[in-house]
Amino acid sequence: MDFENYRFTRDEENLLIKLWHTNNSTVPLPSKLKQIFDSQDAIYMNSFEAAELTFKLPYGIAYEQAQDGEYKALVDWTLQQGIPLDNKIIVDAGCGFGGLLSCIHQKFPNSQFFGIECAQSAKERLNKTYPWLKVSITNIQENIANIKGMLPESADVIYCTEVLEHLQHPELAIHNLLSIRNDTGALILTVPNGRTDSAAQHINFWSPESWKIFIEKVAAGYKVQFLKTLSPNAPGGHNLCAIIREKL
């Protein structure tokens, strides 16, 4: 396997995916990516350089496979909150390898799907895997004209799950995502519970109380629901959630 140049055959990728499922803490990494992760510097670990290198590896596919049950539960939970997903414009900000959107597409193929990621290598993988998905390479903390130009209309449902904890300016990301939501749409945000989360690659750690304060400040003037989503793989077994809806 040519790790330094990110060249793998299909059989080699499948072997690495199997290894990740067996013990993801022992998977081999290219030297540059190992250097980034070993730094334990959350800013460096969440840099665009790190993202570009990470998405060139097949481990994200293994992660999406492991999260399949949670993605399906999140789809069911969305419907339970009275948020329709059929024949809608749906955006996933920080879509990774497309696992969540794939689960929604399986149930509601009549909807239109749009993913946002920050790495060209992610877009290349997604384009090969999901031809029905349109992908924008965009930094959601900055100008999101790219995604605005790609959407046929404002979005009905926007997901941003397990992303904000990785960002230096999560408040800007939320404002930007609200700008592409239609007047009756929903922006669904989830983050780990900061009381039980200790991931080195996370920049932000919200307790249930600080999460509520943060969202109420950022989404002042909007109707907001605060809930928890079951997440067996997350520390503590659940994530914190906020659904930002129409303006008050």
C-alpha atoms as a PDB file:
ATOM      1  CA  MET A   1       0.000   0.000   0.000  1.00  0.00           C
ATOM      2  CA  ASP A   2       1.313   3.423  -0.964  1.00  0.00           C
ATOM      3  CA  PHE A   3       0.210   5.469   2.059  1.00  0.00           C
ATOM      4  CA  GLU A   4       2.434   8.451   1.395  1.00  0.00           C
ATOM      5  CA  ASN A   5       0.856   9.000  -2.035  1.00  0.00           C
ATOM      6  CA  TYR A   6      -2.623   7.802  -1.041  1.00  0.00           C
ATOM      7  CA  ARG A   7      -2.722   5.117  -3.698  1.00  0.00           C
ATOM      8  CA  PHE A   8      -4.794   2.045  -2.854  1.00  0.00           C
ATOM      9  CA  THR A   9      -6.368  -0.692  -4.900  1.00  0.00           C
ATOM     10  CA  ARG A  10     -10.005  -1.559  -4.222  1.00  0.00           C
ATOM     11  CA  ASP A  11      -8.900  -4.677  -2.327  1.00  0.00           C
ATOM     12  CA  GLU A  12      -6.498  -2.597  -0.228  1.00  0.00           C
ATOM     13  CA  GLU A  13      -9.250  -0.109   0.607  1.00  0.00           C
ATOM     14  CA  ASN A  14     -11.553  -2.946   1.658  1.00  0.00           C
ATOM     15  CA  LEU A  15      -8.785  -4.366   3.845  1.00  0.00           C
ATOM     16  CA  LEU A  16      -8.271  -0.992   5.542  1.00  0.00           C
ATOM     17  CA  ILE A  17     -12.014  -0.614   6.108  1.00  0.00           C
ATOM     18  CA  LYS A  18     -12.097  -4.062   7.729  1.00  0.00           C
ATOM     19  CA  LEU A  19      -9.120  -3.125   9.906  1.00  0.00           C
ATOM     20  CA  TRP A  20     -10.882   0.069  11.038  1.00  0.00           C
ATOM     21  CA  HIS A  21     -13.940  -1.931  12.101  1.00  0.00           C
ATOM     22  CA  THR A  22     -11.699  -4.357  14.019  1.00  0.00           C
ATOM     23  CA  ASN A  23      -9.749  -1.703  15.935  1.00  0.00           C
ATOM     24  CA  ASN A  24      -9.826   1.856  14.632  1.00  0.00           C
ATOM     25  CA  SER A  25      -7.067   2.965  17.008  1.00  0.00           C
ATOM     26  CA  THR A  26      -4.515   0.778  15.188  1.00  0.00           C
ATOM     27  CA  VAL A  27      -5.148   1.795  11.582  1.00  0.00           C
ATOM     28  CA  PRO A  28      -2.048   3.014   9.714  1.00  0.00           C
ATOM     29  CA  LEU A  29      -1.793   6.657   8.663  1.00  0.00           C
ATOM     30  CA  PRO A  30       0.406   8.553   6.206  1.00  0.00           C
ATOM     31  CA  SER A  31       3.245  10.327   8.010  1.00  0.00           C
ATOM     32  CA  LYS A  32       1.846  13.851   7.464  1.00  0.00           C
ATOM     33  CA  LEU A  33      -1.588  12.964   8.800  1.00  0.00           C
ATOM     34  CA  LYS A  34      -0.055  11.119  11.759  1.00  0.00           C
ATOM     35  CA  GLN A  35       1.962  14.235  12.526  1.00  0.00           C
ATOM     36  CA  ILE A  36      -1.218  16.322  12.530  1.00  0.00           C
ATOM     37  CA  PHE A  37      -3.098  13.949  14.828  1.00  0.00           C
ATOM     38  CA  ASP A  38      -0.133  13.450  17.148  1.00  0.00           C
ATOM     39  CA  SER A  39       0.071  17.206  17.649  1.00  0.00           C
ATOM     40  CA  GLN A  40      -3.130  17.093  19.766  1.00  0.00           C
ATOM     41  CA  ASP A  41      -3.687  20.632  18.510  1.00  0.00           C
ATOM     42  CA  ALA A  42      -7.418  20.834  17.804  1.00  0.00           C
ATOM     43  CA  ILE A  43      -7.023  23.831  15.477  1.00  0.00           C
ATOM     44  CA  TYR A  44      -4.435  21.957  13.390  1.00  0.00           C
ATOM     45  CA  MET A  45      -6.473  18.748  13.472  1.00  0.00           C
ATOM     46  CA  ASN A  46      -9.469  20.624  12.053  1.00  0.00           C
ATOM     47  CA  SER A  47      -7.531  22.502   9.393  1.00  0.00           C
ATOM     48  CA  PHE A  48      -8.443  22.276   5.716  1.00  0.00           C
ATOM     49  CA  GLU A  49      -5.101  20.550   5.150  1.00  0.00           C
ATOM     50  CA  ALA A  50      -6.058  17.808   7.602  1.00  0.00           C
ATOM     51  CA  ALA A  51      -9.523  17.450   6.059  1.00  0.00           C
ATOM     52  CA  GLU A  52      -8.105  17.139   2.552  1.00  0.00           C
ATOM     53  CA  LEU A  53      -5.759  14.367   3.649  1.00  0.00           C
ATOM     54  CA  THR A  54      -8.324  12.580   5.804  1.00  0.00           C
ATOM     55  CA  PHE A  55     -10.907  12.259   3.033  1.00  0.00           C
ATOM     56  CA  LYS A  56      -8.344  10.612   0.768  1.00  0.00           C
ATOM     57  CA  LEU A  57      -8.344   7.604   3.098  1.00  0.00           C
ATOM     58  CA  PRO A  58     -11.122   4.968   3.129  1.00  0.00           C
ATOM     59  CA  TYR A  59     -11.624   5.117   6.906  1.00  0.00           C
ATOM     60  CA  GLY A  60     -14.482   7.593   6.530  1.00  0.00           C
ATOM     61  CA  ILE A  61     -16.404   4.910   4.672  1.00  0.00           C
ATOM     62  CA  ALA A  62     -15.961   2.583   7.639  1.00  0.00           C
ATOM     63  CA  TYR A  63     -17.118   5.334  10.007  1.00  0.00           C
ATOM     64  CA  GLU A  64     -20.256   5.925   7.949  1.00  0.00           C
ATOM     65  CA  GLN A  65     -20.974   2.196   7.982  1.00  0.00           C
ATOM     66  CA  ALA A  66     -20.643   2.146  11.769  1.00  0.00           C
ATOM     67  CA  GLN A  67     -23.003   5.129  12.082  1.00  0.00           C
ATOM     68  CA  ASP A  68     -25.722   3.676   9.854  1.00  0.00           C
ATOM     69  CA  GLY A  69     -28.011   2.776  12.762  1.00  0.00           C
ATOM     70  CA  GLU A  70     -27.697   6.240  14.262  1.00  0.00           C
ATOM     71  CA  TYR A  71     -28.378   7.903  10.920  1.00  0.00           C
ATOM     72  CA  LYS A  72     -31.550   5.865  10.497  1.00  0.00           C
ATOM     73  CA  ALA A  73     -32.604   6.748  14.047  1.00  0.00           C
ATOM     74  CA  LEU A  74     -31.974  10.437  13.306  1.00  0.00           C
ATOM     75  CA  VAL A  75     -34.206  10.240  10.229  1.00  0.00           C
ATOM     76  CA  ASP A  76     -37.006   8.669  12.293  1.00  0.00           C
ATOM     77  CA  TRP A  77     -36.462  11.244  15.040  1.00  0.00           C
ATOM     78  CA  THR A  78     -36.702  14.078  12.493  1.00  0.00           C
ATOM     79  CA  LEU A  79     -40.098  12.814  11.346  1.00  0.00           C
ATOM     80  CA  GLN A  80     -41.236  12.495  14.974  1.00  0.00           C
ATOM     81  CA  GLN A  81     -40.504  16.205  15.417  1.00  0.00           C
ATOM     82  CA  GLY A  82     -42.985  16.982  12.645  1.00  0.00           C
ATOM     83  CA  ILE A  83     -40.340  17.823  10.056  1.00  0.00           C
ATOM     84  CA  PRO A  84     -41.307  16.315   6.665  1.00  0.00           C
ATOM     85  CA  LEU A  85     -38.577  14.929   4.411  1.00  0.00           C
ATOM     86  CA  ASP A  86     -40.521  13.874   1.322  1.00  0.00           C
ATOM     87  CA  ASN A  87     -40.185  16.019  -1.808  1.00  0.00           C
ATOM     88  CA  LYS A  88     -38.041  18.572   0.048  1.00  0.00           C
ATOM     89  CA  ILE A  89     -34.751  20.397  -0.489  1.00  0.00           C
ATOM     90  CA  ILE A  90     -32.400  18.855   2.078  1.00  0.00           C
ATOM     91  CA  VAL A  91     -28.904  20.054   2.936  1.00  0.00           C
ATOM     92  CA  ASP A  92     -26.301  18.344   5.124  1.00  0.00           C
ATOM     93  CA  ALA A  93     -23.567  20.758   6.221  1.00  0.00           C
ATOM     94  CA  GLY A  94     -20.511  18.661   6.988  1.00  0.00           C
ATOM     95  CA  CYS A  95     -21.904  15.658   5.140  1.00  0.00           C
ATOM     96  CA  GLY A  96     -18.749  13.540   5.412  1.00  0.00           C
ATOM     97  CA  PHE A  97     -19.018  10.473   3.202  1.00  0.00           C
ATOM     98  CA  GLY A  98     -22.778  10.966   2.771  1.00  0.00           C
ATOM     99  CA  GLY A  99     -24.174   8.457   5.262  1.00  0.00           C
ATOM    100  CA  LEU A 100     -27.026  10.578   6.625  1.00  0.00           C
ATOM    101  CA  LEU A 101     -28.209  11.801   3.229  1.00  0.00           C
ATOM    102  CA  SER A 102     -28.040   8.250   1.907  1.00  0.00           C
ATOM    103  CA  CYS A 103     -30.383   7.075   4.667  1.00  0.00           C
ATOM    104  CA  ILE A 104     -32.851   9.848   3.842  1.00  0.00           C
ATOM    105  CA  HIS A 105     -32.589   9.175   0.102  1.00  0.00           C
ATOM    106  CA  GLN A 106     -33.462   5.524   0.625  1.00  0.00           C
ATOM    107  CA  LYS A 107     -36.787   6.539   2.188  1.00  0.00           C
ATOM    108  CA  PHE A 108     -37.507   9.730   0.283  1.00  0.00           C
ATOM    109  CA  PRO A 109     -35.914   9.562  -3.183  1.00  0.00           C
ATOM    110  CA  ASN A 110     -38.179  12.360  -4.469  1.00  0.00           C
ATOM    111  CA  SER A 111     -36.338  14.957  -2.399  1.00  0.00           C
ATOM    112  CA  GLN A 112     -33.360  16.959  -3.648  1.00  0.00           C
ATOM    113  CA  PHE A 113     -30.090  16.451  -1.784  1.00  0.00           C
ATOM    114  CA  PHE A 114     -27.168  18.797  -1.268  1.00  0.00           C
ATOM    115  CA  GLY A 115     -24.011  18.215   0.742  1.00  0.00           C
ATOM    116  CA  ILE A 116     -21.466  20.714   2.039  1.00  0.00           C
ATOM    117  CA  GLU A 117     -17.875  19.751   2.786  1.00  0.00           C
ATOM    118  CA  CYS A 118     -14.561  21.605   3.005  1.00  0.00           C
ATOM    119  CA  ALA A 119     -12.315  19.214   1.040  1.00  0.00           C
ATOM    120  CA  GLN A 120     -12.111  18.522  -2.679  1.00  0.00           C
ATOM    121  CA  SER A 121     -11.170  14.919  -1.880  1.00  0.00           C
ATOM    122  CA  ALA A 122     -14.528  14.531  -0.111  1.00  0.00           C
ATOM    123  CA  LYS A 123     -16.416  15.842  -3.135  1.00  0.00           C
ATOM    124  CA  GLU A 124     -14.582  13.424  -5.436  1.00  0.00           C
ATOM    125  CA  ARG A 125     -15.589  10.433  -3.313  1.00  0.00           C
ATOM    126  CA  LEU A 126     -19.188  11.621  -2.961  1.00  0.00           C
ATOM    127  CA  ASN A 127     -19.559  12.237  -6.694  1.00  0.00           C
ATOM    128  CA  LYS A 128     -18.497   8.650  -7.392  1.00  0.00           C
ATOM    129  CA  THR A 129     -20.716   7.122  -4.714  1.00  0.00           C
ATOM    130  CA  TYR A 130     -23.944   9.158  -4.886  1.00  0.00           C
ATOM    131  CA  PRO A 131     -24.784  10.560  -8.344  1.00  0.00           C
ATOM    132  CA  TRP A 132     -28.054  11.990  -6.963  1.00  0.00           C
ATOM    133  CA  LEU A 133     -26.163  14.200  -4.483  1.00  0.00           C
ATOM    134  CA  LYS A 134     -24.862  17.657  -5.386  1.00  0.00           C
ATOM    135  CA  VAL A 135     -21.820  18.704  -3.363  1.00  0.00           C
ATOM    136  CA  SER A 136     -20.432  22.150  -2.623  1.00  0.00           C
ATOM    137  CA  ILE A 137     -16.903  22.736  -1.313  1.00  0.00           C
ATOM    138  CA  THR A 138     -17.611  25.539   1.128  1.00  0.00           C
ATOM    139  CA  ASN A 139     -16.346  26.873   4.436  1.00  0.00           C
ATOM    140  CA  ILE A 140     -19.623  27.406   6.273  1.00  0.00           C
ATOM    141  CA  GLN A 141     -17.906  29.887   8.608  1.00  0.00           C
ATOM    142  CA  GLU A 142     -17.305  32.212   5.672  1.00  0.00           C
ATOM    143  CA  ASN A 143     -19.136  33.167   2.495  1.00  0.00           C
ATOM    144  CA  ILE A 144     -21.578  30.455   1.398  1.00  0.00           C
ATOM    145  CA  ALA A 145     -22.404  31.882  -2.010  1.00  0.00           C
ATOM    146  CA  ASN A 146     -21.405  28.522  -3.542  1.00  0.00           C
ATOM    147  CA  ILE A 147     -24.211  26.620  -1.874  1.00  0.00           C
ATOM    148  CA  LYS A 148     -26.700  29.451  -2.443  1.00  0.00           C
ATOM    149  CA  GLY A 149     -25.941  29.314  -6.139  1.00  0.00           C
ATOM    150  CA  MET A 150     -26.378  25.556  -6.252  1.00  0.00           C
ATOM    151  CA  LEU A 151     -29.769  25.373  -4.501  1.00  0.00           C
ATOM    152  CA  PRO A 152     -32.853  25.697  -6.741  1.00  0.00           C
ATOM    153  CA  GLU A 153     -34.683  27.373  -3.829  1.00  0.00           C
ATOM    154  CA  SER A 154     -34.056  27.949  -0.143  1.00  0.00           C
ATOM    155  CA  ALA A 155     -33.690  24.724   1.850  1.00  0.00           C
ATOM    156  CA  ASP A 156     -36.550  23.026   3.678  1.00  0.00           C
ATOM    157  CA  VAL A 157     -34.324  21.030   6.038  1.00  0.00           C
ATOM    158  CA  ILE A 158     -30.696  21.665   6.941  1.00  0.00           C
ATOM    159  CA  TYR A 159     -28.689  19.246   9.064  1.00  0.00           C
ATOM    160  CA  CYS A 160     -25.470  20.199  10.795  1.00  0.00           C
ATOM    161  CA  THR A 161     -24.671  17.220  13.003  1.00  0.00           C
ATOM    162  CA  GLU A 162     -21.444  16.780  14.985  1.00  0.00           C
ATOM    163  CA  VAL A 163     -19.805  19.691  13.165  1.00  0.00           C
ATOM    164  CA  LEU A 164     -19.998  22.814  15.320  1.00  0.00           C
ATOM    165  CA  GLU A 165     -17.662  21.383  17.957  1.00  0.00           C
ATOM    166  CA  HIS A 166     -14.917  21.339  15.298  1.00  0.00           C
ATOM    167  CA  LEU A 167     -15.260  25.000  14.300  1.00  0.00           C
ATOM    168  CA  GLN A 168     -13.478  28.129  15.500  1.00  0.00           C
ATOM    169  CA  HIS A 169     -16.506  30.298  14.698  1.00  0.00           C
ATOM    170  CA  PRO A 170     -19.641  28.160  15.072  1.00  0.00           C
ATOM    171  CA  GLU A 171     -21.845  31.223  15.473  1.00  0.00           C
ATOM    172  CA  LEU A 172     -20.926  32.380  11.954  1.00  0.00           C
ATOM    173  CA  ALA A 173     -21.722  28.933  10.571  1.00  0.00           C
ATOM    174  CA  ILE A 174     -25.191  29.023  12.118  1.00  0.00           C
ATOM    175  CA  HIS A 175     -25.925  32.499  10.748  1.00  0.00           C
ATOM    176  CA  ASN A 176     -24.818  31.392   7.289  1.00  0.00           C
ATOM    177  CA  LEU A 177     -26.913  28.230   7.359  1.00  0.00           C
ATOM    178  CA  LEU A 178     -29.972  30.204   8.465  1.00  0.00           C
ATOM    179  CA  SER A 179     -29.509  32.381   5.396  1.00  0.00           C
ATOM    180  CA  ILE A 180     -30.214  29.421   3.080  1.00  0.00           C
ATOM    181  CA  ARG A 181     -33.221  28.132   5.062  1.00  0.00           C
ATOM    182  CA  ASN A 182     -36.684  29.011   3.823  1.00  0.00           C
ATOM    183  CA  ASP A 183     -39.179  30.795   6.085  1.00  0.00           C
ATOM    184  CA  THR A 184     -40.802  27.578   7.306  1.00  0.00           C
ATOM    185  CA  GLY A 185     -37.741  25.332   7.165  1.00  0.00           C
ATOM    186  CA  ALA A 186     -35.787  23.740   9.993  1.00  0.00           C
ATOM    187  CA  LEU A 187     -32.095  23.908  10.871  1.00  0.00           C
ATOM    188  CA  ILE A 188     -31.190  20.834  12.932  1.00  0.00           C
ATOM    189  CA  LEU A 189     -28.005  21.153  15.001  1.00  0.00           C
ATOM    190  CA  THR A 190     -26.451  18.437  17.159  1.00  0.00           C
ATOM    191  CA  VAL A 191     -23.252  18.426  19.222  1.00  0.00           C
ATOM    192  CA  PRO A 192     -21.764  16.067  21.817  1.00  0.00           C
ATOM    193  CA  ASN A 193     -22.566  16.654  25.466  1.00  0.00           C
ATOM    194  CA  GLY A 194     -19.509  18.572  26.645  1.00  0.00           C
ATOM    195  CA  ARG A 195     -19.755  17.082  30.129  1.00  0.00           C
ATOM    196  CA  THR A 196     -18.845  13.657  28.825  1.00  0.00           C
ATOM    197  CA  ASP A 197     -16.963  14.528  25.628  1.00  0.00           C
ATOM    198  CA  SER A 198     -13.165  14.641  25.751  1.00  0.00           C
ATOM    199  CA  ALA A 199     -12.217  14.245  22.076  1.00  0.00           C
ATOM    200  CA  ALA A 200      -8.859  15.854  21.337  1.00  0.00           C
ATOM    201  CA  GLN A 201     -10.034  17.021  17.916  1.00  0.00           C
ATOM    202  CA  HIS A 202     -12.933  19.054  19.345  1.00  0.00           C
ATOM    203  CA  ILE A 203     -12.526  22.792  19.845  1.00  0.00           C
ATOM    204  CA  ASN A 204     -15.852  23.486  21.592  1.00  0.00           C
ATOM    205  CA  PHE A 205     -17.394  21.656  24.550  1.00  0.00           C
ATOM    206  CA  TRP A 206     -20.946  22.684  25.440  1.00  0.00           C
ATOM    207  CA  SER A 207     -22.750  21.567  28.568  1.00  0.00           C
ATOM    208  CA  PRO A 208     -26.550  21.373  28.273  1.00  0.00           C
ATOM    209  CA  GLU A 209     -26.736  24.788  29.964  1.00  0.00           C
ATOM    210  CA  SER A 210     -24.062  26.552  27.899  1.00  0.00           C
ATOM    211  CA  TRP A 211     -25.482  25.040  24.696  1.00  0.00           C
ATOM    212  CA  LYS A 212     -28.879  26.615  25.428  1.00  0.00           C
ATOM    213  CA  ILE A 213     -27.286  29.992  26.214  1.00  0.00           C
ATOM    214  CA  PHE A 214     -25.159  29.863  23.050  1.00  0.00           C
ATOM    215  CA  ILE A 215     -28.012  28.950  20.713  1.00  0.00           C
ATOM    216  CA  GLU A 216     -30.460  31.448  22.226  1.00  0.00           C
ATOM    217  CA  LYS A 217     -27.906  34.187  21.670  1.00  0.00           C
ATOM    218  CA  VAL A 218     -26.992  33.157  18.113  1.00  0.00           C
ATOM    219  CA  ALA A 219     -30.587  32.463  17.059  1.00  0.00           C
ATOM    220  CA  ALA A 220     -32.204  35.413  18.809  1.00  0.00           C
ATOM    221  CA  GLY A 221     -35.535  36.146  17.153  1.00  0.00           C
ATOM    222  CA  TYR A 222     -36.114  32.538  16.049  1.00  0.00           C
ATOM    223  CA  LYS A 223     -38.269  29.802  17.512  1.00  0.00           C
ATOM    224  CA  VAL A 224     -35.922  27.152  18.955  1.00  0.00           C
ATOM    225  CA  GLN A 225     -36.531  23.678  20.363  1.00  0.00           C
ATOM    226  CA  PHE A 226     -33.942  22.121  22.668  1.00  0.00           C
ATOM    227  CA  LEU A 227     -33.897  18.331  22.759  1.00  0.00           C
ATOM    228  CA  LYS A 228     -31.587  15.363  23.099  1.00  0.00           C
ATOM    229  CA  THR A 229     -30.981  12.809  20.375  1.00  0.00           C
ATOM    230  CA  LEU A 230     -30.146   9.243  21.285  1.00  0.00           C
ATOM    231  CA  SER A 231     -26.628   8.417  20.138  1.00  0.00           C
ATOM    232  CA  PRO A 232     -25.302   5.134  21.569  1.00  0.00           C
ATOM    233  CA  ASN A 233     -21.837   5.754  20.085  1.00  0.00           C
ATOM    234  CA  ALA A 234     -21.518   9.184  21.705  1.00  0.00           C
ATOM    235  CA  PRO A 235     -20.066   9.728  25.181  1.00  0.00           C
ATOM    236  CA  GLY A 236     -23.003   9.604  27.602  1.00  0.00           C
ATOM    237  CA  GLY A 237     -25.278   7.956  25.027  1.00  0.00           C
ATOM    238  CA  HIS A 238     -26.889  11.109  23.668  1.00  0.00           C
ATOM    239  CA  ASN A 239     -26.151  14.362  21.864  1.00  0.00           C
ATOM    240  CA  LEU A 240     -27.421  17.855  22.523  1.00  0.00           C
ATOM    241  CA  CYS A 241     -29.759  19.176  19.864  1.00  0.00           C
ATOM    242  CA  ALA A 242     -31.381  22.419  18.816  1.00  0.00           C
ATOM    243  CA  ILE A 243     -33.945  22.841  16.052  1.00  0.00           C
ATOM    244  CA  ILE A 244     -34.115  26.420  14.795  1.00  0.00           C
ATOM    245  CA  ARG A 245     -37.410  27.102  13.063  1.00  0.00           C
ATOM    246  CA  GLU A 246     -39.279  30.163  11.852  1.00  0.00           C
ATOM    247  CA  LYS A 247     -38.717  33.708  13.070  1.00  0.00           C
ATOM    248  CA  LEU A 248     -40.793  34.856  16.026  1.00  0.00           C
END
